[in-house]
Amino acid sequence: MTLDIPTIDKKVDTRSPRLWMPKRVVFTPKALDEPYGQQLYQRLENLDLPIEKLKSNRITGVRGENERQTYATAKRTLAVVTAPPSAFKLRPIPPSADWQYHLAEGCPAHCQYCYLAGSLSGPPLVRVFANLPSILENTVQYEQPGKTTSYEASCYTDPLGIEHLTGSLAESIRHFGTRENARLRWVTKYDQVDQLLNLPHNGHTRCRISLNAEPIARRLEGGTASVHARLQALRKLALPQTHGGGGYPIGVVLAPIMPIPDWQKHYCELFDRLEEALNFDCNLTFELITHRFTPGSKDVLLQWYPNTSLDLDETRRDTKRNKFGGTKFILPKREMQALRSFITTELSSRFPQAKQLYWT
């Protein structure tokens, strides 16, 4: 096993983001009735954050005069609430996992292609669920004897981006570490993984890092860790615990893949750096996701990021409709084929033992 740390190119962006600290923290009465909610209250109070105890379970004071102002206010707000009854009826989430569950909704990052713009309604504040123990226990009933069942925790949040505030991801990892036939999956654009390295995960959690070509990450992924910092976090997660790492199964979510100018060069540079970071045997998977958007998400994104350089030109896209009649704008077939052929071939050559789980 080769464990030398790669030399850092002085031109490479190595920044780690400042930990997100909300300007406003609110607790609903129901959240404070939960024992885990009380733990969250103590944790956030110890961080000397401004906490409000709401008189009702309705969150107010987030909307501004326009969508841009509402966005800014919401992105500074953390609400500790209880997940509604509907959250206990899990939904399948192919091809990522068998089921999705939620420890929170909303994300502190500022990605200009944000998929939550089309998934969550209302202002984009972060809602953390104080009834997490009940949420985790509820997942047990979805298992089938003799079958391994997977659960995705990152559909509506970046769990690592708020972990320093909540501890909810560690709670989940410990929980799934005790479940013989259950597997946890989560993904992040952050890098503060040290707090996760010594947890008793028993190999039941796959930690995935979202990566992209350097120009996309720099231009469109505000408030996140640099690509370099994410690569080093991935390395830490994968290294055996005997070598100071976490010993986790890991994954790369390459998303959203875009045909930017010189895309072959930029993705090859990313893969070069990934090879350097993972210069030892590890349990690795790839998930490959191209950029797409809906009419609804486009409208929201342009209100949040009116000066974005993200290509949202519908005339340059193919149209895909789902079984419910919804419209999605995807990359044209020729571009999609070129990207897929090049990227999958490169990854197969460089990481022959890794599984490419899907391309979408």
Protein backbone atom coordinates (compact mmCIF):
# COMPACT_ATOMS: atom_id res chain seq x y z
CA MET A 1 0.00 0.00 0.00
CA THR A 2 1.45 3.37 -1.05
CA LEU A 3 0.53 6.10 1.40
CA ASP A 4 2.76 9.01 0.37
CA ILE A 5 0.82 12.26 0.29
CA PRO A 6 0.92 13.82 -3.20
CA THR A 7 2.80 17.08 -3.68
CA ILE A 8 0.50 20.10 -3.96
CA ASP A 9 0.82 22.25 -7.06
CA LYS A 10 1.12 25.89 -5.91
CA LYS A 11 -1.45 26.87 -8.54
CA VAL A 12 -4.09 24.53 -7.10
CA ASP A 13 -6.86 26.04 -5.00
CA THR A 14 -6.52 24.35 -1.59
CA ARG A 15 -9.06 26.37 0.41
CA SER A 16 -11.43 24.87 2.91
CA PRO A 17 -14.64 26.81 3.49
CA ARG A 18 -15.33 28.47 6.79
CA LEU A 19 -17.72 26.40 8.84
CA TRP A 20 -21.24 27.64 8.27
CA MET A 21 -22.52 29.47 11.33
CA PRO A 22 -26.14 30.63 10.96
CA LYS A 23 -27.02 34.17 11.99
CA ARG A 24 -30.38 32.98 13.30
CA VAL A 25 -31.30 29.68 14.98
CA VAL A 26 -34.91 28.87 15.81
CA PHE A 27 -36.44 25.94 17.71
CA THR A 28 -40.09 24.99 17.44
CA PRO A 29 -41.96 23.81 20.56
CA LYS A 30 -42.27 20.30 19.09
CA ALA A 31 -38.51 20.16 18.51
CA LEU A 32 -37.83 21.05 22.12
CA ASP A 33 -40.16 18.27 23.25
CA GLU A 34 -37.81 15.73 21.68
CA PRO A 35 -34.86 14.43 23.76
CA TYR A 36 -32.64 14.71 20.67
CA GLY A 37 -33.95 18.24 20.21
CA GLN A 38 -32.71 19.07 23.69
CA GLN A 39 -29.30 17.67 22.74
CA LEU A 40 -29.25 19.90 19.66
CA TYR A 41 -30.24 22.90 21.76
CA GLN A 42 -27.35 22.29 24.16
CA ARG A 43 -24.92 21.72 21.29
CA LEU A 44 -25.89 24.96 19.53
CA GLU A 45 -25.95 26.92 22.78
CA ASN A 46 -22.39 25.75 23.47
CA LEU A 47 -21.40 27.24 20.11
CA ASP A 48 -22.72 30.60 21.36
CA LEU A 49 -25.22 30.91 18.53
CA PRO A 50 -28.28 33.19 18.83
CA ILE A 51 -31.21 30.89 19.59
CA GLU A 52 -34.91 31.73 19.53
CA LYS A 53 -37.59 29.54 21.07
CA LEU A 54 -40.65 29.96 18.90
CA LYS A 55 -44.11 30.13 20.43
CA SER A 56 -45.62 28.10 17.61
CA ASN A 57 -44.41 25.44 15.19
CA ARG A 58 -44.65 27.85 12.25
CA ILE A 59 -41.45 29.50 11.09
CA THR A 60 -41.78 33.18 10.19
CA GLY A 61 -39.50 36.11 9.48
CA VAL A 62 -37.71 34.51 6.55
CA ARG A 63 -39.35 36.09 3.53
CA GLY A 64 -37.98 39.36 2.17
CA GLU A 65 -39.27 41.89 -0.34
CA ASN A 66 -38.15 39.74 -3.27
CA GLU A 67 -36.82 36.24 -3.94
CA ARG A 68 -33.19 37.33 -3.82
CA GLN A 69 -33.67 38.90 -0.38
CA THR A 70 -35.61 35.86 0.81
CA TYR A 71 -32.80 33.63 -0.40
CA ALA A 72 -30.17 35.64 1.50
CA THR A 73 -32.18 35.61 4.74
CA ALA A 74 -33.03 31.92 4.48
CA LYS A 75 -29.42 30.92 3.83
CA ARG A 76 -28.48 32.49 7.16
CA THR A 77 -31.19 30.61 9.08
CA LEU A 78 -31.14 27.25 10.85
CA ALA A 79 -34.50 25.89 12.05
CA VAL A 80 -34.70 22.89 14.36
CA VAL A 81 -38.06 21.26 13.73
CA THR A 82 -39.66 17.82 13.72
CA ALA A 83 -40.07 15.87 10.51
CA PRO A 84 -43.75 15.56 9.56
CA PRO A 85 -45.59 12.21 9.48
CA SER A 86 -45.07 12.04 5.70
CA ALA A 87 -41.31 11.71 6.30
CA PHE A 88 -41.91 8.30 7.86
CA LYS A 89 -43.27 6.90 4.61
CA LEU A 90 -40.00 6.40 2.77
CA ARG A 91 -39.74 6.81 -0.98
CA PRO A 92 -37.47 4.82 -3.31
CA ILE A 93 -34.60 6.78 -4.83
CA PRO A 94 -33.21 4.84 -7.81
CA PRO A 95 -30.53 4.60 -9.02
CA SER A 96 -28.82 5.99 -5.90
CA ALA A 97 -30.34 3.71 -3.24
CA ASP A 98 -33.34 1.61 -2.32
CA TRP A 99 -34.83 4.27 -0.05
CA GLN A 100 -34.25 7.87 0.99
CA TYR A 101 -34.57 9.25 4.48
CA HIS A 102 -33.88 12.77 5.70
CA LEU A 103 -31.94 14.04 8.70
CA ALA A 104 -32.36 17.61 7.44
CA GLU A 105 -33.63 19.66 4.51
CA GLY A 106 -31.74 22.55 2.95
CA CYS A 107 -28.05 23.22 2.41
CA PRO A 108 -25.63 26.02 3.40
CA ALA A 109 -23.80 25.95 0.04
CA HIS A 110 -24.45 28.28 -2.90
CA CYS A 111 -24.28 26.03 -5.96
CA GLN A 112 -25.74 27.90 -8.91
CA TYR A 113 -27.20 24.73 -10.44
CA CYS A 114 -28.74 23.65 -7.08
CA TYR A 115 -31.12 20.71 -7.54
CA LEU A 116 -32.98 21.63 -4.35
CA ALA A 117 -34.38 24.61 -6.27
CA GLY A 118 -36.73 22.21 -7.95
CA SER A 119 -37.19 19.79 -5.06
CA LEU A 120 -38.04 21.82 -1.96
CA SER A 121 -40.74 24.45 -1.69
CA GLY A 122 -40.48 27.68 0.26
CA PRO A 123 -37.42 29.68 1.32
CA PRO A 124 -34.16 27.65 1.25
CA LEU A 125 -33.39 27.67 4.97
CA VAL A 126 -31.83 24.64 6.64
CA ARG A 127 -34.30 22.55 8.65
CA VAL A 128 -32.77 20.00 11.01
CA PHE A 129 -34.99 17.24 12.37
CA ALA A 130 -35.12 16.88 16.15
CA ASN A 131 -36.88 13.52 15.93
CA LEU A 132 -33.93 11.86 14.18
CA PRO A 133 -33.88 8.78 16.48
CA SER A 134 -37.47 7.99 15.45
CA ILE A 135 -36.58 8.61 11.78
CA LEU A 136 -33.68 6.17 11.99
CA GLU A 137 -35.69 3.53 13.83
CA ASN A 138 -38.43 3.84 11.19
CA THR A 139 -36.01 2.73 8.46
CA VAL A 140 -35.79 -0.74 10.01
CA GLN A 141 -39.24 -1.75 8.76
CA TYR A 142 -38.11 -1.31 5.13
CA GLU A 143 -35.58 -4.13 5.34
CA GLN A 144 -36.28 -7.58 3.94
CA PRO A 145 -34.79 -10.74 5.49
CA GLY A 146 -31.66 -11.90 3.72
CA LYS A 147 -31.41 -8.78 1.54
CA THR A 148 -29.13 -5.78 1.94
CA THR A 149 -31.11 -2.54 1.87
CA SER A 150 -29.51 0.84 1.09
CA TYR A 151 -30.58 4.26 2.39
CA GLU A 152 -29.64 7.65 0.92
CA ALA A 153 -29.28 10.52 3.42
CA SER A 154 -28.29 13.33 1.01
CA CYS A 155 -31.30 13.93 -1.20
CA TYR A 156 -32.34 17.18 0.46
CA THR A 157 -29.19 18.32 2.26
CA ASP A 158 -25.42 18.16 2.44
CA PRO A 159 -25.12 16.39 5.80
CA LEU A 160 -21.42 17.17 6.29
CA GLY A 161 -21.99 20.89 5.71
CA ILE A 162 -24.06 21.05 8.91
CA GLU A 163 -22.47 18.21 10.90
CA HIS A 164 -20.50 20.56 13.18
CA LEU A 165 -23.85 22.02 14.25
CA THR A 166 -25.92 18.84 14.54
CA GLY A 167 -23.92 15.63 14.86
CA SER A 168 -26.77 13.98 12.95
CA LEU A 169 -24.55 12.31 10.36
CA ALA A 170 -22.41 10.67 13.05
CA GLU A 171 -25.60 9.55 14.76
CA SER A 172 -26.73 7.95 11.50
CA ILE A 173 -23.37 6.26 10.86
CA ARG A 174 -23.36 4.74 14.33
CA HIS A 175 -26.95 3.56 13.88
CA PHE A 176 -26.35 1.85 10.53
CA GLY A 177 -23.12 0.35 11.86
CA THR A 178 -25.27 -1.89 14.07
CA ARG A 179 -27.56 -3.04 11.23
CA GLU A 180 -26.35 -6.21 9.54
CA ASN A 181 -28.39 -5.86 6.35
CA ALA A 182 -28.61 -2.07 6.04
CA ARG A 183 -26.23 0.33 4.30
CA LEU A 184 -26.02 4.12 4.59
CA ARG A 185 -24.99 6.39 1.72
CA TRP A 186 -24.27 10.11 1.86
CA VAL A 187 -22.48 12.67 -0.29
CA THR A 188 -20.89 16.07 0.32
CA LYS A 189 -19.00 18.99 -1.17
CA TYR A 190 -17.31 19.73 2.16
CA ASP A 191 -14.14 18.37 3.71
CA GLN A 192 -14.36 18.41 7.53
CA VAL A 193 -14.30 14.62 7.89
CA ASP A 194 -11.94 14.23 10.85
CA GLN A 195 -14.90 13.96 13.24
CA LEU A 196 -16.10 10.84 11.36
CA LEU A 197 -12.88 8.84 11.12
CA ASN A 198 -13.11 6.89 14.39
CA LEU A 199 -16.79 6.01 14.30
CA PRO A 200 -17.87 2.33 14.52
CA HIS A 201 -19.30 2.15 11.00
CA ASN A 202 -18.41 -1.53 10.41
CA GLY A 203 -18.15 -0.87 6.68
CA HIS A 204 -21.89 -0.19 6.46
CA THR A 205 -21.57 3.45 5.33
CA ARG A 206 -20.36 4.55 1.91
CA CYS A 207 -19.00 8.09 2.06
CA ARG A 208 -19.12 9.87 -1.30
CA ILE A 209 -17.55 13.14 -2.33
CA SER A 210 -19.05 15.26 -5.10
CA LEU A 211 -16.35 16.30 -7.56
CA ASN A 212 -16.21 18.26 -10.79
CA ALA A 213 -13.84 19.85 -13.25
CA GLU A 214 -11.96 22.75 -11.65
CA PRO A 215 -13.63 25.57 -13.67
CA ILE A 216 -17.11 24.31 -12.74
CA ALA A 217 -16.29 23.95 -9.05
CA ARG A 218 -14.68 27.39 -8.85
CA ARG A 219 -17.38 29.19 -10.83
CA LEU A 220 -20.59 27.53 -9.73
CA GLU A 221 -20.09 25.93 -6.29
CA GLY A 222 -19.95 28.84 -3.86
CA GLY A 223 -19.33 28.23 -0.18
CA THR A 224 -17.99 24.71 -0.67
CA ALA A 225 -14.56 23.16 -0.17
CA SER A 226 -12.08 23.33 -3.02
CA VAL A 227 -11.65 20.29 -5.24
CA HIS A 228 -8.24 19.72 -3.62
CA ALA A 229 -9.72 19.80 -0.12
CA ARG A 230 -12.45 17.37 -1.15
CA LEU A 231 -9.88 14.99 -2.64
CA GLN A 232 -7.92 15.01 0.59
CA ALA A 233 -11.12 14.39 2.55
CA LEU A 234 -11.90 11.42 0.28
CA ARG A 235 -8.40 10.09 0.92
CA LYS A 236 -8.84 10.37 4.69
CA LEU A 237 -12.17 8.57 4.59
CA ALA A 238 -10.73 5.70 2.55
CA LEU A 239 -7.43 5.16 4.36
CA PRO A 240 -7.51 2.28 6.86
CA GLN A 241 -8.03 3.29 10.47
CA THR A 242 -4.61 1.74 11.19
CA HIS A 243 -3.15 4.48 8.97
CA GLY A 244 -5.13 7.36 10.48
CA GLY A 245 -8.11 7.19 8.14
CA GLY A 246 -11.71 6.14 8.43
CA GLY A 247 -11.57 2.82 6.61
CA TYR A 248 -14.86 3.56 4.84
CA PRO A 249 -16.10 2.36 1.47
CA ILE A 250 -16.00 5.52 -0.63
CA GLY A 251 -17.48 6.94 -3.80
CA VAL A 252 -17.15 9.79 -6.25
CA VAL A 253 -20.28 11.51 -7.47
CA LEU A 254 -19.17 13.30 -10.63
CA ALA A 255 -21.86 15.92 -10.99
CA PRO A 256 -23.11 17.83 -12.77
CA ILE A 257 -21.08 16.84 -15.80
CA MET A 258 -21.00 19.68 -18.34
CA PRO A 259 -19.45 20.05 -21.81
CA ILE A 260 -17.53 23.24 -20.93
CA PRO A 261 -14.78 24.46 -23.28
CA ASP A 262 -11.84 22.02 -23.25
CA TRP A 263 -13.86 19.64 -21.10
CA GLN A 264 -11.69 16.64 -22.01
CA LYS A 265 -8.62 18.45 -20.64
CA HIS A 266 -10.31 19.60 -17.45
CA TYR A 267 -11.83 16.22 -16.60
CA CYS A 268 -8.53 14.48 -17.31
CA GLU A 269 -6.81 16.87 -14.90
CA LEU A 270 -9.41 15.99 -12.27
CA PHE A 271 -8.88 12.27 -12.82
CA ASP A 272 -5.10 12.76 -12.56
CA ARG A 273 -5.57 14.38 -9.16
CA LEU A 274 -8.01 11.67 -8.07
CA GLU A 275 -5.44 9.00 -8.96
CA GLU A 276 -2.84 10.83 -6.86
CA ALA A 277 -5.18 11.10 -3.87
CA LEU A 278 -6.25 7.44 -4.05
CA ASN A 279 -2.85 5.89 -4.62
CA PHE A 280 -3.75 2.80 -2.58
CA ASP A 281 -6.31 -0.01 -2.79
CA CYS A 282 -9.77 1.07 -1.69
CA ASN A 283 -13.44 0.21 -2.11
CA LEU A 284 -14.46 2.83 -4.71
CA THR A 285 -17.56 3.52 -6.79
CA PHE A 286 -18.50 6.19 -9.34
CA GLU A 287 -21.87 7.82 -9.99
CA LEU A 288 -21.96 9.93 -13.15
CA ILE A 289 -24.65 12.61 -13.44
CA THR A 290 -25.00 15.09 -16.30
CA HIS A 291 -26.46 18.56 -15.88
CA ARG A 292 -30.20 18.96 -16.32
CA PHE A 293 -32.90 21.37 -15.19
CA THR A 294 -36.66 21.82 -15.24
CA PRO A 295 -38.67 24.94 -16.13
CA GLY A 296 -39.48 25.35 -12.44
CA SER A 297 -35.92 25.01 -11.20
CA LYS A 298 -34.67 27.39 -13.91
CA ASP A 299 -37.12 30.05 -12.73
CA VAL A 300 -36.04 29.69 -9.11
CA LEU A 301 -32.31 29.61 -9.92
CA LEU A 302 -32.50 32.79 -11.98
CA GLN A 303 -34.16 34.52 -9.05
CA TRP A 304 -31.52 33.27 -6.64
CA TYR A 305 -28.57 33.88 -9.00
CA PRO A 306 -29.64 36.53 -11.52
CA ASN A 307 -26.05 36.99 -12.76
CA THR A 308 -25.22 33.33 -13.14
CA SER A 309 -23.04 32.13 -15.99
CA LEU A 310 -24.73 28.72 -15.87
CA ASP A 311 -26.04 27.68 -19.28
CA LEU A 312 -29.84 27.43 -18.92
CA ASP A 313 -30.66 27.90 -22.60
CA GLU A 314 -33.54 25.51 -23.33
CA THR A 315 -32.99 25.75 -27.09
CA ARG A 316 -29.60 24.06 -26.65
CA ARG A 317 -31.10 21.06 -24.86
CA ASP A 318 -33.08 17.94 -25.57
CA THR A 319 -36.37 17.52 -23.77
CA LYS A 320 -37.16 14.55 -21.56
CA ARG A 321 -40.59 13.90 -20.08
CA ASN A 322 -41.36 11.67 -17.13
CA LYS A 323 -44.39 9.44 -16.62
CA PHE A 324 -46.15 12.23 -14.72
CA GLY A 325 -45.83 14.68 -17.61
CA GLY A 326 -42.99 16.70 -16.13
CA THR A 327 -40.37 18.25 -18.44
CA LYS A 328 -36.63 18.10 -17.98
CA PHE A 329 -34.00 19.72 -20.20
CA ILE A 330 -31.00 17.43 -20.70
CA LEU A 331 -27.83 17.59 -22.78
CA PRO A 332 -28.25 16.91 -26.51
CA LYS A 333 -27.76 13.29 -27.51
CA ARG A 334 -24.50 13.86 -29.39
CA GLU A 335 -22.90 15.74 -26.48
CA MET A 336 -24.20 13.16 -24.02
CA GLN A 337 -22.68 10.30 -26.03
CA ALA A 338 -19.32 12.06 -26.37
CA LEU A 339 -19.14 12.81 -22.65
CA ARG A 340 -20.19 9.33 -21.65
CA SER A 341 -17.78 7.54 -23.97
CA PHE A 342 -14.81 9.67 -22.92
CA ILE A 343 -15.44 9.75 -19.16
CA THR A 344 -16.40 6.12 -18.69
CA THR A 345 -13.42 4.98 -20.75
CA GLU A 346 -11.01 7.17 -18.76
CA LEU A 347 -12.37 5.93 -15.44
CA SER A 348 -12.29 2.28 -16.51
CA SER A 349 -8.67 2.66 -17.56
CA ARG A 350 -7.55 4.52 -14.44
CA PHE A 351 -9.67 2.73 -11.83
CA PRO A 352 -10.29 -0.78 -13.21
CA GLN A 353 -11.40 -2.19 -9.84
CA ALA A 354 -13.98 0.55 -9.19
CA LYS A 355 -17.63 0.11 -10.06
CA GLN A 356 -19.39 2.68 -12.23
CA LEU A 357 -22.86 2.44 -10.74
CA TYR A 358 -24.79 4.49 -13.29
CA TRP A 359 -24.74 7.27 -15.86
CA THR A 360 -27.69 9.62 -16.01
